[in-house]
């Protein structure tokens, strides 16, 4: 129909925008001064005094102002402004520090410039100056930004000094306790106040956390690990035997060589605790500190392993370590290539005298660069390695869209660092993954989702990549019962048969998650039946027509 009526989104006319405002509120801690309610009260008073109507709220709760990366509210505000979707002419903020404590003050000015470029004014309601672009306001505003950044730096120094003092007294300062260990809460008189479970925190400044041995069964496993290693001198063998006995780690996953090695190196089991091996100040990249900066408290934990046994194990581990120059590392790899005729991660891992694959990658910037330096061209196409930054970016975009949609619907989200997962209302897990395109000439293409770590019970949200994984095809949402082993695969036919929904945009997927998790009251998906469970064997996958 040529004259069909088209409905467009209503948008205020330009004259109305001058009377409409959005408020941005942020709270990084539980300090009463900067609570969301206090900020909103000051902003409301400012809006009333200037005849402004607050039509939209952007908020970030429990988020630091050092970076914009985890601040979904501010990111959405900037996105709406740049996309021309802002239905307001003013942005009201409590003060300069609530906009951000960016360590580079130019970053704070950049985001403000983007808003002003779109014709939107920013007002700092609790400040004693008008943000009117005058010389005086520009000078004061810049000083305020420097002061906000300096406050974070000074606070970081004070917090680190306090942490070092408590570490010398033998108190635990965050992080998991380790296998066969428990976190015990004690008061200022060292009287026990009970054991903290995973996720529990102390709330009184006079309380502290100490480590103590856990359940006897796990304590016996630790003793067995040390004794068995002295016999076989191999972490891999110890891990295999533990898995054969169906013994799980403290996180509920099977043992690996790395996990066993972490137990063998952990001085907690002989009663010592070391702090400040690594530091990550002001949300920057973590750095390894030299041993002279380490803080060790001896005898602060009841020992599980004899000191002589621990020293024997440490000696074995240290003596088998050989420091090689980069030239020697490449020379040994060339000899392995001449002997085997080809190279792979499995060959490198199984060849005696070669550093592990991660060591090569850390020294030479990736396995393909290592192969290039020794003149080796593998038959397998490794072009996909260059697309990994794009996959990470797509995952970050999807995770941000989901978190924002849930918060707008009244839900709460918490990100689990390093896992790529969101926890919704403390119960439902949303795992963000990428469905990679896999294609061959003799079969239909299919998509593969790698777990990375053990997927929790909940949902998998993933951008589905197009051919050769260069761009996003669409988005899919899959339930998971937490039993996915290494990968989950599906073809287009299998997707339709298993009724896996697809979405054209990340926002569409985010809205669907809100409907499933919040709208219908579902806390988690029902377990798969036999017809819809991910296929585990090669025969079954072939029948599914991946």
Protein backbone atom coordinates (compact mmCIF):
# COMPACT_ATOMS: atom_id res chain seq x y z
CA UNK A 1 0.00 0.00 0.00
CA UNK A 2 1.63 3.18 -1.19
CA UNK A 3 -0.19 5.42 1.26
CA UNK A 4 0.16 3.18 4.33
CA UNK A 5 0.46 5.10 7.57
CA UNK A 6 3.94 4.90 9.14
CA UNK A 7 4.32 5.31 12.90
CA UNK A 8 7.50 7.04 14.06
CA UNK A 9 8.86 7.28 17.57
CA UNK A 10 7.64 10.46 19.20
CA UNK A 11 10.42 12.93 19.94
CA UNK A 12 10.08 16.29 21.68
CA UNK A 13 10.51 19.37 19.53
CA UNK A 14 13.64 21.46 20.00
CA UNK A 15 11.91 24.07 22.14
CA UNK A 16 10.77 21.41 24.62
CA UNK A 17 14.23 19.86 25.06
CA UNK A 18 15.41 22.93 26.95
CA UNK A 19 12.99 22.11 29.78
CA UNK A 20 13.77 18.37 29.94
CA UNK A 21 16.73 16.85 31.77
CA UNK A 22 18.33 13.48 32.47
CA UNK A 23 20.12 12.74 35.71
CA UNK A 24 23.25 10.62 36.06
CA UNK A 25 23.99 9.15 39.49
CA UNK A 26 26.88 6.93 40.53
CA UNK A 27 27.91 5.33 43.82
CA UNK A 28 31.08 3.26 44.13
CA UNK A 29 30.89 2.47 47.88
CA UNK A 30 28.37 2.53 50.70
CA UNK A 31 29.42 6.02 51.81
CA UNK A 32 26.30 7.88 52.90
CA UNK A 33 27.56 11.17 51.46
CA UNK A 34 27.42 9.82 47.92
CA UNK A 35 24.38 7.53 48.21
CA UNK A 36 22.04 7.44 45.23
CA UNK A 37 19.25 8.97 47.33
CA UNK A 38 21.36 11.92 48.46
CA UNK A 39 22.50 12.64 44.92
CA UNK A 40 18.95 12.41 43.60
CA UNK A 41 17.70 14.81 46.29
CA UNK A 42 20.27 17.49 45.40
CA UNK A 43 19.62 17.01 41.67
CA UNK A 44 15.84 17.28 42.19
CA UNK A 45 16.27 20.54 44.11
CA UNK A 46 18.45 21.94 41.32
CA UNK A 47 15.92 20.89 38.68
CA UNK A 48 13.06 22.53 40.61
CA UNK A 49 15.03 25.76 40.99
CA UNK A 50 15.73 25.90 37.25
CA UNK A 51 12.26 24.77 36.07
CA UNK A 52 13.60 21.51 34.61
CA UNK A 53 11.72 18.21 34.38
CA UNK A 54 13.74 15.04 34.96
CA UNK A 55 12.58 12.58 32.30
CA UNK A 56 15.32 9.95 32.43
CA UNK A 57 17.77 8.44 34.93
CA UNK A 58 21.11 6.79 34.19
CA UNK A 59 22.72 5.10 37.18
CA UNK A 60 25.79 3.08 38.11
CA UNK A 61 25.73 1.41 41.53
CA UNK A 62 28.81 -0.15 43.07
CA UNK A 63 31.02 0.96 40.17
CA UNK A 64 34.34 2.77 40.45
CA UNK A 65 34.76 6.08 38.63
CA UNK A 66 38.27 5.23 37.42
CA UNK A 67 37.17 3.78 34.08
CA UNK A 68 34.09 3.82 31.90
CA UNK A 69 34.42 0.14 30.97
CA UNK A 70 32.19 -1.23 33.75
CA UNK A 71 29.86 1.75 34.00
CA UNK A 72 26.90 0.61 31.95
CA UNK A 73 24.83 3.67 32.88
CA UNK A 74 27.34 6.24 31.62
CA UNK A 75 28.06 4.14 28.52
CA UNK A 76 24.34 4.05 27.70
CA UNK A 77 24.09 7.82 28.27
CA UNK A 78 26.92 8.53 25.83
CA UNK A 79 25.46 6.03 23.36
CA UNK A 80 22.02 7.71 23.43
CA UNK A 81 23.58 11.14 22.99
CA UNK A 82 25.74 10.12 20.03
CA UNK A 83 22.87 8.22 18.38
CA UNK A 84 20.61 11.28 18.58
CA UNK A 85 18.14 9.42 20.80
CA UNK A 86 18.41 11.82 23.76
CA UNK A 87 15.00 13.34 24.49
CA UNK A 88 16.44 15.93 26.89
CA UNK A 89 18.54 19.05 26.70
CA UNK A 90 20.35 18.87 30.05
CA UNK A 91 22.31 16.28 32.03
CA UNK A 92 22.31 16.80 35.79
CA UNK A 93 25.18 15.35 37.85
CA UNK A 94 25.80 15.69 41.59
CA UNK A 95 29.40 16.93 41.25
CA UNK A 96 32.51 16.56 39.09
CA UNK A 97 33.71 13.43 40.92
CA UNK A 98 30.42 11.59 40.21
CA UNK A 99 31.02 12.09 36.48
CA UNK A 100 34.26 10.23 37.00
CA UNK A 101 37.61 10.03 38.74
CA UNK A 102 39.45 9.35 35.48
CA UNK A 103 43.21 9.30 35.93
CA UNK A 104 43.51 11.14 32.63
CA UNK A 105 41.42 14.29 33.10
CA UNK A 106 41.17 14.67 29.32
CA UNK A 107 38.98 11.55 29.26
CA UNK A 108 36.46 13.21 31.55
CA UNK A 109 36.50 16.31 29.36
CA UNK A 110 36.06 14.15 26.24
CA UNK A 111 32.78 12.63 27.39
CA UNK A 112 31.48 16.05 28.39
CA UNK A 113 32.50 17.42 24.99
CA UNK A 114 30.50 14.68 23.23
CA UNK A 115 27.39 15.79 25.10
CA UNK A 116 27.92 19.49 24.41
CA UNK A 117 28.63 18.74 20.75
CA UNK A 118 25.14 17.23 20.59
CA UNK A 119 23.68 20.41 22.08
CA UNK A 120 23.21 19.00 25.59
CA UNK A 121 24.36 20.97 28.63
CA UNK A 122 25.90 19.34 31.70
CA UNK A 123 25.26 20.84 35.14
CA UNK A 124 27.11 19.85 38.34
CA UNK A 125 24.38 20.52 40.87
CA UNK A 126 26.39 20.48 44.11
CA UNK A 127 29.31 22.55 42.81
CA UNK A 128 29.70 26.26 43.57
CA UNK A 129 30.26 27.25 39.95
CA UNK A 130 28.12 27.30 36.82
CA UNK A 131 29.30 25.10 33.98
CA UNK A 132 28.89 27.90 31.45
CA UNK A 133 32.20 27.54 29.54
CA UNK A 134 33.56 30.74 31.03
CA UNK A 135 37.28 30.98 31.74
CA UNK A 136 36.71 30.81 35.49
CA UNK A 137 34.43 27.75 35.31
CA UNK A 138 36.86 25.97 32.96
CA UNK A 139 39.75 26.53 35.37
CA UNK A 140 37.78 25.43 38.44
CA UNK A 141 36.33 22.40 36.63
CA UNK A 142 39.76 21.24 35.51
CA UNK A 143 41.12 21.65 39.05
CA UNK A 144 38.17 19.63 40.37
CA UNK A 145 38.94 16.85 37.86
CA UNK A 146 42.57 16.77 38.95
CA UNK A 147 41.48 16.68 42.59
CA UNK A 148 39.06 13.80 41.87
CA UNK A 149 41.84 11.81 40.19
CA UNK A 150 44.33 12.63 42.96
CA UNK A 151 41.82 11.53 45.60
CA UNK A 152 41.75 8.05 44.03
CA UNK A 153 45.55 7.91 43.94
CA UNK A 154 45.88 8.97 47.58
CA UNK A 155 43.16 6.56 48.65
CA UNK A 156 44.93 3.73 46.80
CA UNK A 157 48.16 4.43 48.70
CA UNK A 158 46.37 4.53 52.07
CA UNK A 159 44.42 1.35 51.39
CA UNK A 160 47.56 -0.50 50.28
CA UNK A 161 49.45 0.61 53.40
CA UNK A 162 46.60 -0.65 55.61
CA UNK A 163 46.50 -3.94 53.74
CA UNK A 164 50.24 -4.43 54.25
CA UNK A 165 49.87 -3.78 57.99
CA UNK A 166 47.08 -6.34 58.35
CA UNK A 167 48.97 -8.86 56.21
CA UNK A 168 51.93 -8.65 58.60
CA UNK A 169 49.51 -9.55 61.40
CA UNK A 170 48.49 -12.70 59.51
CA UNK A 171 45.03 -11.66 58.34
CA UNK A 172 43.54 -12.77 55.01
CA UNK A 173 42.85 -9.83 52.65
CA UNK A 174 40.37 -11.12 50.10
CA UNK A 175 40.34 -13.84 47.49
CA UNK A 176 39.49 -17.52 47.76
CA UNK A 177 40.98 -19.34 50.74
CA UNK A 178 42.40 -22.22 48.71
CA UNK A 179 41.71 -25.93 48.76
CA UNK A 180 41.21 -27.46 52.25
CA UNK A 181 41.21 -24.00 53.87
CA UNK A 182 38.41 -21.94 55.40
CA UNK A 183 38.01 -18.23 56.14
CA UNK A 184 37.27 -17.66 59.81
CA UNK A 185 35.92 -14.30 60.99
CA UNK A 186 37.45 -13.04 64.24
CA UNK A 187 36.76 -9.91 66.28
CA UNK A 188 39.29 -7.47 67.70
CA UNK A 189 39.95 -9.86 70.61
CA UNK A 190 40.67 -12.74 68.20
CA UNK A 191 37.46 -14.54 69.23
CA UNK A 192 35.85 -16.53 66.45
CA UNK A 193 32.64 -15.17 64.92
CA UNK A 194 32.07 -18.11 62.57
CA UNK A 195 33.21 -19.32 59.15
CA UNK A 196 32.62 -17.23 56.02
CA UNK A 197 31.18 -19.04 53.02
CA UNK A 198 32.06 -18.22 49.40
CA UNK A 199 30.79 -14.73 48.64
CA UNK A 200 30.40 -13.72 52.29
CA UNK A 201 32.11 -10.52 53.43
CA UNK A 202 32.89 -8.94 56.77
CA UNK A 203 30.96 -5.77 57.60
CA UNK A 204 32.61 -4.44 60.78
CA UNK A 205 35.94 -2.65 60.46
CA UNK A 206 37.06 -4.21 63.76
CA UNK A 207 36.57 -7.74 62.42
CA UNK A 208 39.24 -9.57 60.45
CA UNK A 209 39.61 -12.84 58.55
CA UNK A 210 42.05 -15.63 59.30
CA UNK A 211 42.67 -18.91 57.49
CA UNK A 212 42.38 -22.29 59.13
CA UNK A 213 42.27 -25.91 57.91
CA UNK A 214 38.94 -26.97 56.40
CA UNK A 215 37.11 -30.28 56.40
CA UNK A 216 39.25 -33.35 57.26
CA UNK A 217 38.58 -35.05 53.89
CA UNK A 218 40.14 -32.14 51.97
CA UNK A 219 43.03 -31.89 54.44
CA UNK A 220 43.80 -35.57 53.76
CA UNK A 221 43.74 -34.88 50.00
CA UNK A 222 46.36 -32.13 50.39
CA UNK A 223 48.63 -34.44 52.40
CA UNK A 224 48.19 -37.14 49.76
CA UNK A 225 49.07 -34.71 46.95
CA UNK A 226 52.42 -33.86 48.58
CA UNK A 227 53.26 -37.47 49.38
CA UNK A 228 52.28 -38.72 45.94
CA UNK A 229 54.26 -35.99 44.15
CA UNK A 230 57.40 -37.01 46.01
CA UNK A 231 56.90 -40.49 44.52
CA UNK A 232 55.97 -39.69 40.88
CA UNK A 233 57.42 -36.13 40.56
CA UNK A 234 54.68 -35.19 38.08
CA UNK A 235 51.73 -32.87 38.62
CA UNK A 236 49.96 -34.36 35.59
CA UNK A 237 50.02 -37.86 37.07
CA UNK A 238 48.73 -36.58 40.40
CA UNK A 239 45.90 -34.71 38.64
CA UNK A 240 44.89 -37.81 36.64
CA UNK A 241 44.77 -39.96 39.77
CA UNK A 242 42.67 -37.38 41.61
CA UNK A 243 40.22 -37.19 38.72
CA UNK A 244 40.09 -40.99 38.56
CA UNK A 245 38.99 -40.94 42.20
CA UNK A 246 36.34 -38.30 41.35
CA UNK A 247 37.94 -35.75 43.69
CA UNK A 248 37.05 -32.17 42.67
CA UNK A 249 38.82 -28.89 43.38
CA UNK A 250 37.40 -26.25 45.72
CA UNK A 251 35.62 -24.67 42.71
CA UNK A 252 33.95 -27.97 41.79
CA UNK A 253 35.94 -28.73 38.62
CA UNK A 254 38.41 -31.54 37.79
CA UNK A 255 42.06 -31.20 38.72
CA UNK A 256 44.68 -30.04 36.22
CA UNK A 257 48.47 -29.95 36.25
CA UNK A 258 48.33 -26.23 37.01
CA UNK A 259 45.92 -26.71 39.91
CA UNK A 260 48.13 -29.38 41.49
CA UNK A 261 51.20 -27.18 41.05
CA UNK A 262 49.37 -24.32 42.80
CA UNK A 263 48.77 -26.56 45.82
CA UNK A 264 52.40 -27.71 45.91
CA UNK A 265 53.65 -24.10 45.88
CA UNK A 266 51.16 -22.74 48.41
CA UNK A 267 52.93 -21.88 51.67
CA UNK A 268 49.55 -21.64 53.43
CA UNK A 269 49.81 -25.39 54.00
CA UNK A 270 52.92 -24.97 56.20
CA UNK A 271 51.39 -22.05 58.11
CA UNK A 272 52.79 -19.08 56.18
CA UNK A 273 50.90 -16.42 54.25
CA UNK A 274 52.44 -14.11 51.63
CA UNK A 275 50.91 -10.85 50.44
CA UNK A 276 51.77 -8.39 47.64
CA UNK A 277 53.21 -10.86 45.16
CA UNK A 278 51.12 -9.05 42.55
CA UNK A 279 49.49 -5.65 42.64
CA UNK A 280 46.82 -4.01 40.53
CA UNK A 281 46.42 -0.42 41.58
CA UNK A 282 43.83 1.98 40.17
CA UNK A 283 42.28 -0.77 38.01
CA UNK A 284 45.38 -0.94 35.84
CA UNK A 285 47.09 -4.07 34.51
CA UNK A 286 48.38 -6.30 37.27
CA UNK A 287 52.14 -6.41 37.80
CA UNK A 288 54.39 -8.93 39.52
CA UNK A 289 56.31 -7.38 42.41
CA UNK A 290 59.95 -8.27 43.23
CA UNK A 291 60.44 -10.58 46.26
CA UNK A 292 61.76 -7.72 48.42
CA UNK A 293 58.27 -6.17 48.32
CA UNK A 294 56.51 -9.35 49.40
CA UNK A 295 55.06 -9.44 52.91
CA UNK A 296 55.22 -12.83 54.60
CA UNK A 297 53.59 -13.71 57.91
CA UNK A 298 54.94 -16.98 59.30
CA UNK A 299 53.05 -19.32 61.57
CA UNK A 300 49.71 -17.52 61.23
CA UNK A 301 47.86 -20.65 60.02
CA UNK A 302 47.68 -24.10 61.56
CA UNK A 303 49.96 -26.18 59.26
CA UNK A 304 48.62 -29.08 57.24
CA UNK A 305 51.90 -30.31 55.71
CA UNK A 306 55.24 -30.85 57.42
CA UNK A 307 57.81 -28.18 56.59
CA UNK A 308 60.42 -30.77 55.56
CA UNK A 309 57.96 -32.30 53.08
CA UNK A 310 57.17 -28.89 51.60
CA UNK A 311 60.87 -28.05 51.18
CA UNK A 312 61.54 -31.38 49.42
CA UNK A 313 58.71 -30.70 46.97
CA UNK A 314 59.93 -27.14 46.37
CA UNK A 315 63.43 -28.37 45.66
CA UNK A 316 62.17 -30.83 43.02
CA UNK A 317 60.13 -28.11 41.31
CA UNK A 318 62.98 -25.59 41.33
CA UNK A 319 65.66 -28.02 40.12
CA UNK A 320 63.71 -29.03 37.04
CA UNK A 321 63.36 -25.38 35.98
CA UNK A 322 65.90 -24.40 33.32
CA UNK A 323 66.33 -20.79 32.22
CA UNK A 324 66.88 -20.56 28.45
CA UNK A 325 67.69 -17.63 26.23
CA UNK A 326 65.21 -16.84 23.45
CA UNK A 327 67.78 -18.00 20.87
CA UNK A 328 68.06 -21.37 22.64
CA UNK A 329 64.26 -21.67 22.84
CA UNK A 330 63.97 -21.23 19.06
CA UNK A 331 66.92 -23.56 18.40
CA UNK A 332 65.30 -26.38 20.38
CA UNK A 333 62.03 -25.83 18.56
CA UNK A 334 63.81 -26.10 15.17
CA UNK A 335 65.34 -29.42 16.25
CA UNK A 336 61.90 -30.68 17.23
CA UNK A 337 60.53 -29.62 13.83
CA UNK A 338 63.30 -31.53 12.01
CA UNK A 339 62.60 -34.62 14.11
CA UNK A 340 58.78 -34.59 13.95
CA UNK A 341 58.28 -33.04 10.53
CA UNK A 342 55.58 -30.71 11.90
CA UNK A 343 54.67 -28.73 15.01
CA UNK A 344 51.55 -28.45 17.15
CA UNK A 345 50.64 -27.54 20.70
CA UNK A 346 50.48 -31.25 21.58
CA UNK A 347 53.98 -31.90 20.19
CA UNK A 348 55.44 -28.93 22.04
CA UNK A 349 53.81 -30.00 25.30
CA UNK A 350 55.01 -33.61 25.06
CA UNK A 351 58.62 -32.93 23.96
CA UNK A 352 61.12 -33.12 26.82
CA UNK A 353 63.38 -30.07 27.01
CA UNK A 354 60.96 -27.64 25.33
CA UNK A 355 59.33 -24.79 27.24
CA UNK A 356 55.54 -24.93 27.36
CA UNK A 357 53.44 -23.27 24.66
CA UNK A 358 52.44 -20.31 26.86
CA UNK A 359 56.13 -19.52 27.48
CA UNK A 360 56.74 -19.27 23.74
CA UNK A 361 53.67 -17.10 23.33
CA UNK A 362 54.70 -14.75 26.15
CA UNK A 363 58.22 -14.34 24.79
CA UNK A 364 57.44 -13.98 21.09
CA UNK A 365 53.92 -12.53 20.98
CA UNK A 366 51.90 -15.50 19.70
CA UNK A 367 52.45 -18.95 18.27
CA UNK A 368 52.24 -17.77 14.65
CA UNK A 369 55.11 -15.36 15.26
CA UNK A 370 57.10 -18.25 16.77
CA UNK A 371 56.48 -20.36 13.66
CA UNK A 372 57.50 -17.46 11.43
CA UNK A 373 60.79 -16.99 13.30
CA UNK A 374 61.80 -20.62 12.73
CA UNK A 375 60.56 -20.65 9.11
CA UNK A 376 57.66 -23.06 9.64
CA UNK A 377 54.35 -22.73 7.76
CA UNK A 378 51.60 -24.94 9.27
CA UNK A 379 48.98 -26.54 7.04
CA UNK A 380 46.17 -25.34 9.27
CA UNK A 381 44.81 -21.85 8.64
CA UNK A 382 45.40 -19.68 11.70
CA UNK A 383 43.81 -16.51 10.35
CA UNK A 384 41.14 -16.76 13.06
CA UNK A 385 43.73 -15.68 15.66
CA UNK A 386 43.62 -12.15 14.28
CA UNK A 387 39.87 -12.00 14.87
CA UNK A 388 40.03 -12.67 18.59
CA UNK A 389 40.07 -8.96 19.58
CA UNK A 390 36.87 -8.51 17.57
CA UNK A 391 35.24 -11.47 19.33
CA UNK A 392 36.17 -10.00 22.70
CA UNK A 393 34.66 -6.67 21.65
CA UNK A 394 31.41 -8.33 20.54
CA UNK A 395 31.18 -10.19 23.86
CA UNK A 396 31.71 -6.95 25.78
CA UNK A 397 29.00 -5.17 23.76
CA UNK A 398 26.52 -7.98 24.30
CA UNK A 399 27.25 -8.20 28.02
CA UNK A 400 26.79 -4.44 28.39
CA UNK A 401 23.47 -4.52 26.49
CA UNK A 402 22.16 -7.38 28.65
CA UNK A 403 23.24 -5.72 31.91
CA UNK A 404 21.64 -2.42 30.91
CA UNK A 405 18.35 -4.07 29.88
CA UNK A 406 18.13 -6.00 33.16
CA UNK A 407 18.84 -2.90 35.24
CA UNK A 408 16.25 -0.88 33.33
CA UNK A 409 13.71 -3.62 34.11
CA UNK A 410 14.49 -3.34 37.82
CA UNK A 411 16.86 -6.29 38.15
CA UNK A 412 20.35 -6.36 39.60
CA UNK A 413 23.46 -7.72 37.89
CA UNK A 414 26.92 -8.63 39.12
CA UNK A 415 29.78 -9.49 36.78
CA UNK A 416 32.06 -12.38 37.62
CA UNK A 417 35.60 -11.24 36.73
CA UNK A 418 37.44 -13.50 34.31
CA UNK A 419 34.46 -15.76 33.64
CA UNK A 420 32.44 -13.76 31.10
CA UNK A 421 29.27 -14.31 33.15
CA UNK A 422 26.58 -12.13 34.69
CA UNK A 423 24.72 -13.02 37.88
CA UNK A 424 21.13 -11.74 37.82
CA UNK A 425 19.43 -11.05 41.16
CA UNK A 426 21.95 -13.33 42.82
CA UNK A 427 20.41 -16.49 41.32
CA UNK A 428 20.47 -16.74 37.51
CA UNK A 429 23.71 -16.96 35.51
CA UNK A 430 24.05 -15.51 32.00
CA UNK A 431 27.26 -16.75 30.33
CA UNK A 432 28.49 -14.56 27.46
CA UNK A 433 30.22 -16.61 24.78
CA UNK A 434 30.86 -16.47 21.01
CA UNK A 435 29.39 -19.01 18.57
CA UNK A 436 32.19 -19.50 16.03
CA UNK A 437 31.50 -20.52 12.44
CA UNK A 438 33.04 -23.87 11.42
CA UNK A 439 32.84 -24.93 7.78
CA UNK A 440 34.18 -27.62 5.47
CA UNK A 441 33.67 -28.36 1.80
CA UNK A 442 32.10 -31.77 2.40
CA UNK A 443 29.51 -30.78 4.98
CA UNK A 444 27.14 -28.06 6.09
CA UNK A 445 28.56 -25.34 8.35
CA UNK A 446 28.00 -25.49 12.07
CA UNK A 447 28.77 -23.30 15.06
CA UNK A 448 30.88 -24.07 18.10
CA UNK A 449 30.72 -22.48 21.55
CA UNK A 450 33.76 -23.12 23.72
CA UNK A 451 33.14 -23.12 27.43
CA UNK A 452 36.41 -21.38 28.52
CA UNK A 453 35.65 -22.49 32.08
CA UNK A 454 32.85 -24.63 33.47
CA UNK A 455 29.58 -23.05 32.43
CA UNK A 456 27.21 -22.47 35.35
CA UNK A 457 23.58 -23.56 35.28
CA UNK A 458 21.59 -20.87 33.45
CA UNK A 459 21.75 -19.37 29.96
CA UNK A 460 24.33 -18.88 27.23
CA UNK A 461 24.01 -15.65 25.23
CA UNK A 462 26.23 -15.56 22.16
CA UNK A 463 26.80 -13.54 18.99
CA UNK A 464 26.76 -16.06 16.12
CA UNK A 465 29.57 -15.29 13.69
CA UNK A 466 29.14 -15.31 9.94
CA UNK A 467 31.36 -17.22 7.49
CA UNK A 468 35.07 -17.11 8.38
CA UNK A 469 34.16 -15.37 11.67
CA UNK A 470 34.73 -11.87 10.33
CA UNK A 471 31.34 -10.39 11.26
CA UNK A 472 28.25 -11.10 13.37
CA UNK A 473 25.43 -13.05 11.69
CA UNK A 474 22.89 -12.87 14.52
CA UNK A 475 22.52 -13.68 18.22
CA UNK A 476 21.40 -16.90 19.92
CA UNK A 477 20.21 -17.86 23.40
CA UNK A 478 20.77 -21.40 24.70
CA UNK A 479 19.98 -22.99 28.06
CA UNK A 480 22.72 -24.87 29.87
CA UNK A 481 22.49 -27.29 32.78
CA UNK A 482 26.08 -26.65 33.86
CA UNK A 483 27.34 -29.99 32.48
CA UNK A 484 28.86 -28.75 29.19
CA UNK A 485 32.35 -30.20 28.97
CA UNK A 486 34.53 -28.52 26.33
CA UNK A 487 32.33 -27.31 23.49
CA UNK A 488 28.71 -27.03 22.46
CA UNK A 489 28.00 -27.39 18.73
CA UNK A 490 24.93 -26.95 16.56
CA UNK A 491 24.06 -26.54 12.87
CA UNK A 492 21.25 -24.41 11.49
CA UNK A 493 19.07 -27.53 11.19
CA UNK A 494 19.89 -28.51 14.76
CA UNK A 495 19.13 -24.96 15.94
CA UNK A 496 15.66 -25.11 14.42
CA UNK A 497 15.02 -28.64 15.71
CA UNK A 498 16.16 -27.78 19.22
CA UNK A 499 14.17 -24.52 19.10
CA UNK A 500 17.18 -22.33 19.87
CA UNK A 501 15.93 -18.76 19.36
CA UNK A 502 17.88 -16.32 17.19
CA UNK A 503 17.79 -12.51 17.26
CA UNK A 504 18.84 -9.92 14.73
CA UNK A 505 20.32 -7.51 17.29
CA UNK A 506 21.96 -7.61 20.71
CA UNK A 507 19.15 -5.46 22.09
CA UNK A 508 16.58 -8.02 20.91
CA UNK A 509 18.47 -10.78 22.71
CA UNK A 510 18.72 -8.61 25.83
CA UNK A 511 14.95 -8.01 25.83
CA UNK A 512 14.34 -11.76 25.49
CA UNK A 513 16.58 -12.45 28.49
CA UNK A 514 14.68 -9.89 30.54
CA UNK A 515 11.42 -11.62 29.61
CA UNK A 516 12.73 -15.04 30.55
CA UNK A 517 14.57 -14.09 33.74
CA UNK A 518 12.45 -11.25 35.10
CA UNK A 519 9.19 -11.08 33.19
CA UNK A 520 8.16 -14.71 33.63
CA UNK A 521 9.86 -15.23 36.97
CA UNK A 522 12.13 -17.95 35.66
CA UNK A 523 15.31 -18.17 37.72
CA UNK A 524 16.95 -20.75 35.46
CA UNK A 525 16.02 -22.94 32.49
CA UNK A 526 14.67 -26.40 32.91
CA UNK A 527 17.14 -29.23 32.33
CA UNK A 528 17.35 -30.49 28.77
CA UNK A 529 15.54 -33.65 27.83
CA UNK A 530 17.11 -36.24 25.56
CA UNK A 531 15.82 -34.56 22.42
CA UNK A 532 17.28 -31.14 23.21
CA UNK A 533 20.44 -31.90 25.16
CA UNK A 534 23.77 -30.91 23.54
CA UNK A 535 25.08 -33.93 21.67
CA UNK A 536 28.21 -35.37 23.28
CA UNK A 537 29.40 -38.18 21.00
CA UNK A 538 30.71 -37.85 17.48
CA UNK A 539 28.15 -40.36 16.16
CA UNK A 540 25.24 -38.41 17.57
CA UNK A 541 26.64 -35.14 16.29
CA UNK A 542 26.96 -36.59 12.80
CA UNK A 543 23.34 -37.76 12.86
CA UNK A 544 22.25 -34.27 13.92
CA UNK A 545 23.69 -32.89 10.70
CA UNK A 546 25.86 -30.27 12.30
